[in-house]
Amino acid sequence: MAEMDPCSIGPGPAGLLPPSAASCGVVLPRKGEGLVEGRIVGEQAALEVMARELLTRKHPTVFPGPLVLWDWRDGVSPKAAAVLELAEEIPGVQIIPMPDYRPIYPKIDPEAVINPCHPNLTIWHNKIEVCVFVGVHCHYANITLRMIRAGTNCYTVTLCHSAGHEDSMASLPFCGAEQVRALTGTIRRLKRQGLRPLHGEARGIRLTGAQQAVQEGLVWQHGDGA
């Protein structure tokens, strides 16, 4: 049986129920490799693409999942610290967590969390055009990434603790603190070489309305705006 030519996995909207990347012939990279828009590349080439997209698309956002939000085993704390260091290097970035995978009903607060059952709501509300998933279990990340590709124009980057995600636009497998820091280093280098970030040079993480209210000790009600 002839091998399938992998399809391009780029930003959507791809329409209702797009085929999975695996069914289109996209295969997962091995350690030392990355995946960019359906094709296997070297790890450094994947880092270059990730860094450029994070610096040049609108409203970059980091979505940390339970594997880095909760200090549940050795190695989590250094990786979580590396994720914060990464965020500090992306001008205009937000951090919106995915603390667990339970459906949120009757509605989600898109400035407080992202939920795998309706990720498009958080992306639409915050006008996110590039995001990083890190610390999300593979089976939840896969369906979430496919839903994002179906209904939004968001460029998805995944830093996976396991084998990677074929439904994201750029993916790095077996990603620990060292690989996260390698992405941070690539971003720093591109800025030194003259790449002008879309959101300017100002460092620091931009808070959502919900996060700002919590920081100020206020009670946040969805719809208050900020």
Protein backbone atom coordinates (compact mmCIF):
# COMPACT_ATOMS: atom_id res chain seq x y z
CA MET A 1 0.00 0.00 0.00
CA ALA A 2 1.43 3.39 -1.05
CA GLU A 3 2.10 5.96 1.63
CA MET A 4 -0.24 8.92 1.79
CA ASP A 5 1.14 12.36 1.00
CA PRO A 6 0.53 14.32 4.22
CA CYS A 7 -1.84 17.25 3.97
CA SER A 8 -1.01 20.76 5.11
CA ILE A 9 -2.23 21.50 8.64
CA GLY A 10 -2.56 25.28 8.75
CA PRO A 11 -4.81 27.82 10.43
CA GLY A 12 -8.54 27.52 9.75
CA PRO A 13 -11.39 27.93 9.82
CA ALA A 14 -11.36 24.49 8.18
CA GLY A 15 -15.13 24.00 8.47
CA LEU A 16 -17.34 21.62 10.41
CA LEU A 17 -15.65 18.31 11.31
CA PRO A 18 -12.41 18.56 9.30
CA PRO A 19 -10.60 15.23 8.85
CA SER A 20 -8.03 14.41 11.48
CA ALA A 21 -4.44 15.03 10.50
CA ALA A 22 -3.62 11.35 11.08
CA SER A 23 -6.26 10.32 8.53
CA CYS A 24 -4.56 12.67 6.05
CA GLY A 25 -1.23 10.90 6.40
CA VAL A 26 0.46 13.11 8.99
CA VAL A 27 2.76 11.09 11.25
CA LEU A 28 4.34 12.03 14.57
CA PRO A 29 7.97 13.14 14.83
CA ARG A 30 10.62 11.36 16.82
CA LYS A 31 12.80 12.83 19.56
CA GLY A 32 15.04 15.47 18.02
CA GLU A 33 12.46 16.28 15.34
CA GLY A 34 9.45 18.57 15.14
CA LEU A 35 6.25 18.81 13.14
CA VAL A 36 5.36 21.93 11.15
CA GLU A 37 2.04 22.12 9.28
CA GLY A 38 1.93 18.37 8.71
CA ARG A 39 5.55 17.76 7.79
CA ILE A 40 8.45 16.47 9.89
CA VAL A 41 11.39 18.87 10.25
CA GLY A 42 14.42 19.15 12.49
CA GLU A 43 13.87 20.34 16.06
CA GLN A 44 15.61 23.67 15.50
CA ALA A 45 13.59 24.34 12.35
CA ALA A 46 10.39 23.76 14.34
CA LEU A 47 11.59 26.13 17.07
CA GLU A 48 12.26 28.84 14.46
CA VAL A 49 8.71 28.57 13.12
CA MET A 50 7.19 28.59 16.61
CA ALA A 51 9.21 31.64 17.64
CA ARG A 52 8.31 33.64 14.52
CA GLU A 53 4.61 32.88 14.81
CA LEU A 54 4.56 33.81 18.50
CA LEU A 55 6.26 37.13 17.79
CA THR A 56 4.30 38.16 14.69
CA ARG A 57 0.67 37.06 15.18
CA LYS A 58 -2.02 38.87 17.14
CA HIS A 59 -2.72 38.22 20.83
CA PRO A 60 -0.27 35.39 21.59
CA THR A 61 -1.48 33.22 24.45
CA VAL A 62 -0.03 30.38 26.51
CA PHE A 63 -2.48 27.67 27.61
CA PRO A 64 -0.84 25.65 30.42
CA GLY A 65 -2.56 22.40 31.35
CA PRO A 66 -2.66 20.24 34.47
CA LEU A 67 0.72 18.63 33.81
CA VAL A 68 2.47 21.96 34.50
CA LEU A 69 -0.13 23.71 36.66
CA TRP A 70 -0.03 21.15 39.48
CA ASP A 71 3.23 20.10 41.16
CA TRP A 72 2.43 16.41 41.00
CA ARG A 73 5.84 14.83 40.32
CA ASP A 74 9.56 15.55 40.04
CA GLY A 75 10.46 17.82 37.15
CA VAL A 76 7.16 19.70 36.96
CA SER A 77 8.31 22.73 38.90
CA PRO A 78 11.36 23.44 36.68
CA LYS A 79 9.24 23.04 33.56
CA ALA A 80 6.57 25.40 34.92
CA ALA A 81 9.28 27.95 35.68
CA ALA A 82 10.59 27.57 32.12
CA VAL A 83 7.08 28.21 30.76
CA LEU A 84 6.86 31.47 32.73
CA GLU A 85 10.28 32.46 31.42
CA LEU A 86 9.06 31.77 27.88
CA ALA A 87 5.96 33.92 28.40
CA GLU A 88 8.06 36.83 29.63
CA GLU A 89 9.87 36.92 26.27
CA ILE A 90 6.70 37.19 24.15
CA PRO A 91 5.45 40.80 24.04
CA GLY A 92 1.73 41.15 24.72
CA VAL A 93 1.29 37.53 25.80
CA GLN A 94 -1.54 36.26 27.99
CA ILE A 95 -1.59 33.11 30.11
CA ILE A 96 -5.00 31.41 30.29
CA PRO A 97 -4.94 28.07 32.14
CA MET A 98 -6.66 24.75 31.50
CA PRO A 99 -6.70 23.54 35.13
CA ASP A 100 -8.79 20.42 34.45
CA TYR A 101 -10.90 18.82 31.73
CA ARG A 102 -14.38 18.80 33.22
CA PRO A 103 -17.05 20.42 31.01
CA ILE A 104 -17.94 23.90 32.21
CA TYR A 105 -21.67 24.57 32.08
CA PRO A 106 -23.84 26.51 31.65
CA LYS A 107 -21.15 28.83 30.28
CA ILE A 108 -17.40 29.35 30.24
CA ASP A 109 -15.63 32.50 31.40
CA PRO A 110 -13.22 32.93 28.46
CA GLU A 111 -11.05 35.40 30.38
CA ALA A 112 -10.46 32.96 33.21
CA VAL A 113 -9.89 29.55 31.59
CA ILE A 114 -9.85 27.55 28.40
CA ASN A 115 -11.77 24.26 28.40
CA PRO A 116 -11.24 21.40 25.91
CA CYS A 117 -15.00 21.06 25.36
CA HIS A 118 -15.28 24.55 23.82
CA PRO A 119 -11.82 26.05 23.18
CA ASN A 120 -13.13 28.17 20.31
CA LEU A 121 -15.05 30.38 22.76
CA THR A 122 -11.89 31.45 24.58
CA ILE A 123 -10.02 32.01 21.31
CA TRP A 124 -12.84 34.01 19.71
CA HIS A 125 -13.42 36.15 22.81
CA ASN A 126 -9.74 37.06 23.19
CA LYS A 127 -9.09 37.30 19.41
CA ILE A 128 -6.17 34.89 19.76
CA GLU A 129 -4.26 34.20 16.53
CA VAL A 130 -1.42 32.13 17.99
CA CYS A 131 -1.28 29.97 21.10
CA VAL A 132 0.94 27.49 22.93
CA PHE A 133 -0.43 24.34 24.54
CA VAL A 134 1.89 22.94 27.19
CA GLY A 135 1.16 20.35 29.87
CA VAL A 136 -2.13 19.12 28.37
CA HIS A 137 -2.76 15.35 28.22
CA CYS A 138 -2.57 14.11 24.63
CA HIS A 139 -6.11 12.74 24.28
CA TYR A 140 -7.61 16.06 25.37
CA ALA A 141 -5.16 18.15 23.36
CA ASN A 142 -5.88 16.25 20.13
CA ILE A 143 -9.63 16.91 20.05
CA THR A 144 -9.13 20.47 21.28
CA LEU A 145 -6.62 21.23 18.52
CA ARG A 146 -8.93 19.82 15.88
CA MET A 147 -11.81 21.97 17.14
CA ILE A 148 -9.58 25.06 17.02
CA ARG A 149 -8.55 24.25 13.44
CA ALA A 150 -12.18 23.73 12.51
CA GLY A 151 -13.57 27.01 13.77
CA THR A 152 -10.79 29.60 14.21
CA ASN A 153 -7.77 31.11 12.45
CA CYS A 154 -5.51 30.44 15.45
CA TYR A 155 -2.01 29.06 14.81
CA THR A 156 -1.51 26.29 17.36
CA VAL A 157 1.87 25.42 18.90
CA THR A 158 2.21 22.36 21.14
CA LEU A 159 5.07 21.56 23.51
CA CYS A 160 4.15 17.96 24.23
CA HIS A 161 5.41 15.86 27.13
CA SER A 162 4.84 12.77 24.96
CA ALA A 163 4.93 12.05 21.21
CA GLY A 164 3.54 15.29 19.79
CA HIS A 165 0.28 16.37 18.18
CA GLU A 166 -0.40 15.96 14.49
CA ASP A 167 -3.42 18.31 14.59
CA SER A 168 -1.38 21.32 15.75
CA MET A 169 0.39 23.55 13.26
CA ALA A 170 3.77 23.24 15.01
CA SER A 171 4.59 20.55 17.55
CA LEU A 172 7.62 19.44 19.54
CA PRO A 173 7.57 15.97 21.16
CA PHE A 174 9.08 14.82 24.47
CA CYS A 175 9.34 18.42 25.56
CA GLY A 176 10.80 19.11 29.00
CA ALA A 177 12.19 22.25 30.58
CA GLU A 178 15.26 22.11 28.31
CA GLN A 179 13.15 22.27 25.12
CA VAL A 180 10.98 25.07 26.53
CA ARG A 181 14.13 27.06 27.26
CA ALA A 182 15.37 26.33 23.73
CA LEU A 183 12.22 28.01 22.37
CA THR A 184 12.81 30.96 24.70
CA GLY A 185 16.39 31.19 23.45
CA THR A 186 15.23 31.13 19.82
CA ILE A 187 12.78 33.98 20.51
CA ARG A 188 15.54 36.03 22.14
CA ARG A 189 17.88 35.42 19.22
CA LEU A 190 15.31 36.42 16.61
CA LYS A 191 14.64 39.66 18.49
CA ARG A 192 18.38 40.39 18.72
CA GLN A 193 18.67 39.76 14.98
CA GLY A 194 16.10 42.44 14.27
CA LEU A 195 12.74 40.67 14.11
CA ARG A 196 10.22 43.26 15.23
CA PRO A 197 7.53 41.75 17.47
CA LEU A 198 3.98 42.67 16.50
CA HIS A 199 3.26 43.84 20.04
CA GLY A 200 6.48 45.82 20.51
CA GLU A 201 9.39 45.25 22.82
CA ALA A 202 7.66 45.68 26.18
CA ARG A 203 8.27 42.68 28.44
CA GLY A 204 5.74 41.31 30.85
CA ILE A 205 2.58 39.24 30.76
CA ARG A 206 -0.68 40.99 29.87
CA LEU A 207 -3.45 40.13 32.36
CA THR A 208 -7.01 39.37 31.32
CA GLY A 209 -9.83 41.21 33.03
CA ALA A 210 -10.46 38.26 35.32
CA GLN A 211 -6.80 37.99 36.29
CA GLN A 212 -6.49 41.71 36.95
CA ALA A 213 -9.57 41.65 39.18
CA VAL A 214 -8.16 38.76 41.21
CA GLN A 215 -4.83 40.55 41.56
CA GLU A 216 -6.60 43.64 42.87
CA GLY A 217 -8.71 41.61 45.30
CA LEU A 218 -11.97 42.31 43.48
CA VAL A 219 -14.82 39.91 42.77
CA TRP A 220 -14.85 39.19 39.03
CA GLN A 221 -18.18 38.78 37.27
CA HIS A 222 -18.13 37.66 33.64
CA GLY A 223 -19.19 40.53 31.39
CA ASP A 224 -17.71 43.28 33.56
CA GLY A 225 -15.02 43.91 30.97
CA ALA A 226 -11.54 45.30 31.51
